[in-house]
Amino acid sequence: MVSDNKIWGAIEVEQQRYNALGLDEMKDYNKFYIYSIIAHSTAIEGSTLTEKDTQLLFDEGIVVKGKSIVEHLMNLDLKGAYEYAVSEAGKKTRITPDFLKQLNSLVMKNTGGIHNLTIGTFDSSKGDYRLCGVTAGIGGKSYMDYKKVPDNVTRICEEINKRLDSKDLKEIYNLSFDAHFNLVAIHPWVDGNGRTSRLLMNYIQFYRGVVPTKIYKENKGEYIKALEESRELETTVPFRSFMANQHLKTLRQAINNYIKGQKKADGFTLLF
């Protein structure tokens, strides 16, 4: 893990290498990059579909034998949500509570449903805010009272929009990381909070035209720890540090995969 005082210098160097290779200008590169983001995001929530499984599902409609329909639907729903986000980012759609509800409704389109409670009914497939308490993790840590959710989501949107037009690379990424942390900390919905928060982070990055950050499934433990530490200390510093390192890993892996692929292509021999 790169230290905090060196991380942004390292990111800028790798960003220059990434830009020089023209990776995001290659045919289908962005499509497969987003497929990878989706596969890792759903894996963090328990899906066992691999990146290859995800590509076959999306491009060929092939389901994986022995894996649940919920896992497949989770990935298909998130694909639809990312397609919507990319389209809206191109239109420079600002972030509002209704926009966030729409993102969550797409994330939960086929795996959500109606919840009937004594105080009312809400539909988790429609992006409705929860009308109940929620807990998560070891020890059942509780999130804020559901009655406080609407006002706090509005506050998130207002803060994001104040900073959304920054041209400073570090500021853009820190804004996306902060938005991610704060939305998942509020937990506005009964389900899909993690996927929607990661999508919001990527939406801000799409909006500003920078490389979207991937959170790797193999780093799930560190990811959860960083979220919990920031929540307990009431500062985004630990989460920003973790996310900056994830982004550096994202850039380096993309560059290394491209170089490795080029070497294989250059060394190709006809076989008969």
Protein backbone atom coordinates (compact mmCIF):
# COMPACT_ATOMS: atom_id res chain seq x y z
CA MET A 1 0.00 0.00 0.00
CA VAL A 2 1.47 3.34 -1.09
CA SER A 3 1.74 5.94 1.68
CA ASP A 4 -0.70 8.87 1.66
CA ASN A 5 1.99 11.47 0.94
CA LYS A 6 3.11 9.61 -2.22
CA ILE A 7 -0.14 8.16 -3.54
CA TRP A 8 -1.31 11.04 -5.74
CA GLY A 9 2.11 11.48 -7.30
CA ALA A 10 2.04 7.78 -8.19
CA ILE A 11 -1.51 8.07 -9.55
CA GLU A 12 -0.56 11.00 -11.78
CA VAL A 13 2.38 9.03 -13.22
CA GLU A 14 0.21 5.99 -13.97
CA GLN A 15 -2.57 8.22 -15.36
CA GLN A 16 -0.08 9.68 -17.85
CA ARG A 17 1.01 6.18 -18.89
CA TYR A 18 -2.64 5.14 -19.23
CA ASN A 19 -3.44 8.18 -21.39
CA ALA A 20 -0.33 7.68 -23.55
CA LEU A 21 -1.44 4.12 -24.37
CA GLY A 22 -4.87 5.41 -25.41
CA LEU A 23 -6.58 2.51 -23.67
CA ASP A 24 -10.04 4.06 -23.40
CA GLU A 25 -10.02 4.83 -27.13
CA MET A 26 -9.70 1.18 -28.12
CA LYS A 27 -12.71 -0.65 -29.51
CA ASP A 28 -14.89 -2.18 -26.78
CA TYR A 29 -12.33 -1.33 -24.07
CA ASN A 30 -14.75 0.72 -21.99
CA LYS A 31 -17.47 -1.92 -22.34
CA PHE A 32 -15.29 -4.70 -20.97
CA TYR A 33 -13.84 -2.40 -18.32
CA ILE A 34 -17.35 -1.74 -17.00
CA TYR A 35 -18.14 -5.48 -17.16
CA SER A 36 -15.16 -5.99 -14.85
CA ILE A 37 -16.33 -3.26 -12.44
CA ILE A 38 -19.78 -4.92 -12.33
CA ALA A 39 -18.39 -8.41 -11.69
CA HIS A 40 -16.28 -7.17 -8.78
CA SER A 41 -19.09 -5.03 -7.33
CA THR A 42 -21.59 -7.90 -7.26
CA ALA A 43 -18.92 -10.29 -5.96
CA ILE A 44 -18.48 -7.99 -2.95
CA GLU A 45 -22.19 -8.61 -2.29
CA GLY A 46 -21.82 -12.40 -2.57
CA SER A 47 -22.16 -13.17 -6.27
CA THR A 48 -19.89 -15.99 -7.45
CA LEU A 49 -19.98 -15.04 -11.14
CA THR A 50 -16.47 -14.43 -12.47
CA GLU A 51 -15.51 -11.77 -15.00
CA LYS A 52 -15.67 -14.43 -17.74
CA ASP A 53 -19.07 -15.63 -16.51
CA THR A 54 -20.28 -12.03 -16.54
CA GLN A 55 -19.07 -11.42 -20.09
CA LEU A 56 -20.78 -14.58 -21.37
CA LEU A 57 -24.00 -13.61 -19.60
CA PHE A 58 -23.99 -10.07 -20.99
CA ASP A 59 -22.85 -10.77 -24.56
CA GLU A 60 -24.12 -14.29 -25.22
CA GLY A 61 -26.97 -14.67 -22.74
CA ILE A 62 -25.29 -17.78 -21.33
CA VAL A 63 -26.07 -18.62 -17.71
CA VAL A 64 -23.60 -20.52 -15.57
CA LYS A 65 -24.70 -23.98 -14.53
CA GLY A 66 -24.93 -24.41 -10.76
CA LYS A 67 -25.13 -20.68 -10.01
CA SER A 68 -28.34 -19.09 -8.77
CA ILE A 69 -30.75 -17.00 -10.83
CA VAL A 70 -30.40 -14.22 -8.24
CA GLU A 71 -26.67 -13.93 -8.99
CA HIS A 72 -27.40 -13.63 -12.70
CA LEU A 73 -30.18 -11.08 -12.16
CA MET A 74 -27.96 -9.07 -9.81
CA ASN A 75 -25.36 -8.73 -12.56
CA LEU A 76 -27.88 -7.98 -15.31
CA ASP A 77 -29.57 -5.33 -13.17
CA LEU A 78 -26.27 -3.65 -12.39
CA LYS A 79 -25.39 -3.66 -16.10
CA GLY A 80 -28.62 -1.77 -16.82
CA ALA A 81 -27.84 0.69 -14.04
CA TYR A 82 -24.34 1.34 -15.41
CA GLU A 83 -25.67 1.84 -18.94
CA TYR A 84 -28.12 4.41 -17.59
CA ALA A 85 -25.37 6.13 -15.58
CA VAL A 86 -23.02 6.39 -18.56
CA SER A 87 -25.82 7.85 -20.68
CA GLU A 88 -26.83 10.41 -18.03
CA ALA A 89 -23.21 11.39 -17.39
CA GLY A 90 -22.92 12.21 -21.09
CA LYS A 91 -25.93 14.53 -20.69
CA LYS A 92 -24.31 16.13 -17.62
CA THR A 93 -27.28 15.21 -15.44
CA ARG A 94 -26.84 16.66 -11.97
CA ILE A 95 -27.25 14.50 -8.89
CA THR A 96 -30.59 14.73 -7.07
CA PRO A 97 -32.44 12.45 -4.63
CA ASP A 98 -34.71 11.31 -7.48
CA PHE A 99 -31.66 10.50 -9.59
CA LEU A 100 -30.21 8.37 -6.77
CA LYS A 101 -33.56 6.62 -6.35
CA GLN A 102 -33.52 5.84 -10.06
CA LEU A 103 -30.03 4.35 -9.80
CA ASN A 104 -31.11 2.16 -6.90
CA SER A 105 -34.30 1.09 -8.68
CA LEU A 106 -32.22 -0.16 -11.61
CA VAL A 107 -29.77 -1.92 -9.27
CA MET A 108 -32.70 -3.68 -7.55
CA LYS A 109 -35.00 -4.02 -10.58
CA ASN A 110 -35.36 -7.81 -10.53
CA THR A 111 -34.22 -8.70 -7.01
CA GLY A 112 -36.21 -6.15 -4.98
CA GLY A 113 -39.86 -6.26 -3.97
CA ILE A 114 -42.67 -4.88 -1.84
CA HIS A 115 -42.20 -4.63 1.93
CA ASN A 116 -45.36 -4.35 4.02
CA LEU A 117 -44.84 -2.90 7.49
CA THR A 118 -47.20 -1.62 10.16
CA ILE A 119 -46.09 1.96 9.42
CA GLY A 120 -46.39 1.67 5.66
CA THR A 121 -45.35 -0.05 2.44
CA PHE A 122 -42.30 0.49 0.27
CA ASP A 123 -40.98 -1.18 -2.87
CA SER A 124 -37.25 -1.90 -2.95
CA SER A 125 -37.44 -2.51 -6.72
CA LYS A 126 -38.60 1.08 -7.27
CA GLY A 127 -35.87 2.92 -5.35
CA ASP A 128 -38.13 3.69 -2.39
CA TYR A 129 -36.31 4.68 0.78
CA ARG A 130 -36.55 2.16 3.58
CA LEU A 131 -39.22 2.57 6.26
CA CYS A 132 -37.40 0.42 8.78
CA GLY A 133 -34.10 0.13 10.59
CA VAL A 134 -31.23 -1.84 9.03
CA THR A 135 -28.15 -3.50 10.46
CA ALA A 136 -25.10 -5.00 8.82
CA GLY A 137 -21.84 -6.72 9.62
CA ILE A 138 -20.56 -8.53 12.67
CA GLY A 139 -22.37 -7.39 15.78
CA GLY A 140 -25.30 -5.99 13.81
CA LYS A 141 -24.13 -2.38 13.52
CA SER A 142 -27.14 -0.11 13.01
CA TYR A 143 -27.56 2.65 10.45
CA MET A 144 -29.41 5.94 10.96
CA ASP A 145 -33.10 6.17 11.73
CA TYR A 146 -35.09 5.84 8.50
CA LYS A 147 -36.90 9.11 9.22
CA LYS A 148 -33.58 10.99 8.82
CA VAL A 149 -32.77 9.43 5.44
CA PRO A 150 -34.54 11.89 3.07
CA ASP A 151 -32.93 15.02 4.51
CA ASN A 152 -29.48 13.47 4.59
CA VAL A 153 -29.69 12.22 1.02
CA THR A 154 -30.67 15.74 -0.04
CA ARG A 155 -27.62 17.09 1.81
CA ILE A 156 -25.35 14.61 -0.01
CA CYS A 157 -26.67 15.78 -3.36
CA GLU A 158 -26.18 19.43 -2.47
CA GLU A 159 -22.58 18.86 -1.35
CA ILE A 160 -21.73 16.81 -4.44
CA ASN A 161 -23.14 19.40 -6.83
CA LYS A 162 -21.11 22.17 -5.17
CA ARG A 163 -17.88 20.34 -6.05
CA LEU A 164 -18.91 18.48 -9.20
CA ASP A 165 -17.30 20.87 -11.68
CA SER A 166 -13.79 20.79 -10.19
CA LYS A 167 -10.99 20.28 -12.71
CA ASP A 168 -8.45 19.09 -10.14
CA LEU A 169 -7.86 15.33 -10.53
CA LYS A 170 -7.34 14.65 -6.82
CA GLU A 171 -10.42 16.70 -5.89
CA ILE A 172 -12.59 14.84 -8.43
CA TYR A 173 -11.59 11.45 -7.05
CA ASN A 174 -11.88 12.51 -3.41
CA LEU A 175 -15.36 13.85 -4.14
CA SER A 176 -16.35 10.51 -5.66
CA PHE A 177 -14.88 8.62 -2.69
CA ASP A 178 -16.62 10.92 -0.18
CA ALA A 179 -19.97 10.52 -1.99
CA HIS A 180 -19.53 6.75 -1.93
CA PHE A 181 -18.73 6.72 1.79
CA ASN A 182 -21.54 9.04 2.83
CA LEU A 183 -24.25 7.30 0.81
CA VAL A 184 -23.37 3.86 2.14
CA ALA A 185 -23.11 5.31 5.67
CA ILE A 186 -26.68 6.61 5.41
CA HIS A 187 -27.93 3.32 3.92
CA PRO A 188 -31.07 4.86 2.37
CA TRP A 189 -32.43 1.58 1.02
CA VAL A 190 -33.22 -1.80 2.46
CA ASP A 191 -30.86 -3.44 -0.06
CA GLY A 192 -28.45 -2.48 -2.83
CA ASN A 193 -26.72 0.27 -0.84
CA GLY A 194 -23.19 -0.92 -1.58
CA ARG A 195 -23.76 -1.37 -5.31
CA THR A 196 -25.56 1.97 -5.58
CA SER A 197 -22.84 3.79 -3.62
CA ARG A 198 -20.11 2.33 -5.82
CA LEU A 199 -22.16 3.28 -8.86
CA LEU A 200 -22.53 6.85 -7.57
CA MET A 201 -18.75 7.03 -7.18
CA ASN A 202 -18.30 5.84 -10.76
CA TYR A 203 -21.02 8.20 -12.00
CA ILE A 204 -19.10 11.20 -10.69
CA GLN A 205 -16.01 9.85 -12.46
CA PHE A 206 -17.96 9.31 -15.71
CA TYR A 207 -19.38 12.84 -15.39
CA ARG A 208 -15.90 14.33 -15.07
CA GLY A 209 -14.41 12.10 -17.79
CA VAL A 210 -11.80 10.36 -15.64
CA VAL A 211 -10.94 6.68 -15.34
CA PRO A 212 -13.54 4.93 -13.13
CA THR A 213 -12.27 3.23 -9.98
CA LYS A 214 -12.72 -0.49 -9.47
CA ILE A 215 -12.95 -2.04 -6.00
CA TYR A 216 -11.48 -5.52 -6.20
CA LYS A 217 -13.36 -8.42 -4.68
CA GLU A 218 -10.13 -9.77 -3.20
CA ASN A 219 -9.82 -6.53 -1.21
CA LYS A 220 -13.32 -6.78 0.28
CA GLY A 221 -11.97 -7.14 3.83
CA GLU A 222 -9.84 -3.99 3.61
CA TYR A 223 -12.74 -2.17 1.94
CA ILE A 224 -15.14 -2.94 4.78
CA LYS A 225 -12.47 -2.11 7.36
CA ALA A 226 -11.84 1.29 5.74
CA LEU A 227 -15.57 2.07 5.71
CA GLU A 228 -15.91 1.10 9.37
CA GLU A 229 -12.80 3.01 10.44
CA SER A 230 -13.97 6.21 8.72
CA ARG A 231 -17.39 5.82 10.25
CA GLU A 232 -16.03 5.34 13.79
CA LEU A 233 -13.45 8.14 13.53
CA GLU A 234 -15.93 10.44 11.74
CA THR A 235 -13.45 11.30 8.99
CA THR A 236 -13.17 10.11 5.39
CA VAL A 237 -9.35 10.00 5.60
CA PRO A 238 -9.04 6.20 6.05
CA PHE A 239 -11.55 5.53 3.27
CA ARG A 240 -9.91 8.04 0.92
CA SER A 241 -6.55 6.39 1.53
CA PHE A 242 -7.89 2.91 0.78
CA MET A 243 -9.72 4.11 -2.33
CA ALA A 244 -6.71 6.00 -3.70
CA ASN A 245 -4.69 2.79 -3.43
CA GLN A 246 -7.47 0.85 -5.15
CA HIS A 247 -7.43 3.38 -7.96
CA LEU A 248 -3.67 3.12 -8.33
CA LYS A 249 -4.10 -0.65 -8.51
CA THR A 250 -6.82 -0.15 -11.16
CA LEU A 251 -4.54 1.93 -13.38
CA ARG A 252 -1.51 -0.36 -12.97
CA GLN A 253 -3.48 -3.52 -13.66
CA ALA A 254 -5.07 -2.02 -16.79
CA ILE A 255 -1.65 -0.97 -18.10
CA ASN A 256 0.00 -4.29 -17.26
CA ASN A 257 -2.82 -6.31 -18.85
CA TYR A 258 -2.51 -4.25 -22.04
CA ILE A 259 1.27 -4.64 -22.22
CA LYS A 260 1.01 -8.38 -21.56
CA GLY A 261 -1.60 -8.71 -24.30
CA GLN A 262 0.56 -6.78 -26.74
CA LYS A 263 3.54 -9.04 -26.09
CA LYS A 264 1.42 -12.12 -26.81
CA ALA A 265 0.09 -10.53 -30.00
CA ASP A 266 3.60 -9.55 -31.17
CA GLY A 267 4.89 -13.07 -30.53
CA PHE A 268 2.05 -14.81 -32.37
CA THR A 269 3.02 -17.71 -34.63
CA LEU A 270 0.78 -19.33 -37.21
CA LEU A 271 -0.10 -22.86 -36.17
CA PHE A 272 -1.18 -25.59 -38.61
